[in-house]
Amino acid sequence: MKITEKCKALELKKQTLTAWTRILLGRGEIDVKKYNRMLVLIDKLTA
């Protein structure tokens, strides 16, 4: 797999994790503090 393909795959995974985090927040399963913490951790993911 080329580097650009890995980067695209990673970005798609990050977007998916972010979407699930928003869903959990919307359902009330996590609070805003945990939501923000999860977004920071998702953003730090690298290939």
C-alpha atoms as a PDB file:
ATOM      1  CA  MET A   1       0.000   0.000   0.000  1.00  0.00           C
ATOM      2  CA  LYS A   2       1.318   3.417  -0.926  1.00  0.00           C
ATOM      3  CA  ILE A   3       1.762   6.167   1.636  1.00  0.00           C
ATOM      4  CA  THR A   4      -1.047   8.258   0.134  1.00  0.00           C
ATOM      5  CA  GLU A   5      -3.400   5.273   0.354  1.00  0.00           C
ATOM      6  CA  LYS A   6      -2.423   4.778   4.001  1.00  0.00           C
ATOM      7  CA  CYS A   7      -3.073   8.454   4.706  1.00  0.00           C
ATOM      8  CA  LYS A   8      -6.478   8.286   3.034  1.00  0.00           C
ATOM      9  CA  ALA A   9      -7.360   5.129   4.962  1.00  0.00           C
ATOM     10  CA  LEU A  10      -6.275   6.739   8.231  1.00  0.00           C
ATOM     11  CA  GLU A  11      -8.330   9.862   7.526  1.00  0.00           C
ATOM     12  CA  LEU A  12     -11.385   7.715   6.805  1.00  0.00           C
ATOM     13  CA  LYS A  13     -10.877   5.854  10.087  1.00  0.00           C
ATOM     14  CA  LYS A  14     -10.517   9.144  11.965  1.00  0.00           C
ATOM     15  CA  GLN A  15     -13.731  10.449  10.389  1.00  0.00           C
ATOM     16  CA  THR A  16     -15.542   7.249  11.337  1.00  0.00           C
ATOM     17  CA  LEU A  17     -14.331   7.405  14.944  1.00  0.00           C
ATOM     18  CA  THR A  18     -15.320  11.066  15.157  1.00  0.00           C
ATOM     19  CA  ALA A  19     -18.791  10.270  13.828  1.00  0.00           C
ATOM     20  CA  TRP A  20     -19.254   7.474  16.376  1.00  0.00           C
ATOM     21  CA  THR A  21     -18.092   9.798  19.129  1.00  0.00           C
ATOM     22  CA  ARG A  22     -20.730  12.334  18.076  1.00  0.00           C
ATOM     23  CA  ILE A  23     -23.363   9.585  18.097  1.00  0.00           C
ATOM     24  CA  LEU A  24     -22.371   8.564  21.634  1.00  0.00           C
ATOM     25  CA  LEU A  25     -22.592  12.187  22.759  1.00  0.00           C
ATOM     26  CA  GLY A  26     -25.984  12.597  21.119  1.00  0.00           C
ATOM     27  CA  ARG A  27     -27.318   9.471  22.825  1.00  0.00           C
ATOM     28  CA  GLY A  28     -26.059  10.718  26.174  1.00  0.00           C
ATOM     29  CA  GLU A  29     -23.667   7.803  26.659  1.00  0.00           C
ATOM     30  CA  ILE A  30     -20.706  10.158  27.131  1.00  0.00           C
ATOM     31  CA  ASP A  31     -20.473  13.706  28.432  1.00  0.00           C
ATOM     32  CA  VAL A  32     -18.926  16.710  26.673  1.00  0.00           C
ATOM     33  CA  LYS A  33     -15.677  16.399  28.643  1.00  0.00           C
ATOM     34  CA  LYS A  34     -15.156  12.803  27.508  1.00  0.00           C
ATOM     35  CA  TYR A  35     -16.263  13.735  23.972  1.00  0.00           C
ATOM     36  CA  ASN A  36     -13.569  16.428  23.747  1.00  0.00           C
ATOM     37  CA  ARG A  37     -10.941  14.089  25.190  1.00  0.00           C
ATOM     38  CA  MET A  38     -11.825  11.409  22.635  1.00  0.00           C
ATOM     39  CA  LEU A  39     -11.594  13.909  19.767  1.00  0.00           C
ATOM     40  CA  VAL A  40      -8.102  14.918  20.898  1.00  0.00           C
ATOM     41  CA  LEU A  41      -7.021  11.274  21.018  1.00  0.00           C
ATOM     42  CA  ILE A  42      -8.535  10.563  17.602  1.00  0.00           C
ATOM     43  CA  ASP A  43      -6.717  13.588  16.173  1.00  0.00           C
ATOM     44  CA  LYS A  44      -3.385  12.283  17.517  1.00  0.00           C
ATOM     45  CA  LEU A  45      -3.695   8.973  15.639  1.00  0.00           C
ATOM     46  CA  THR A  46      -0.978   8.560  13.030  1.00  0.00           C
ATOM     47  CA  ALA A  47       0.012   5.875  10.584  1.00  0.00           C
END
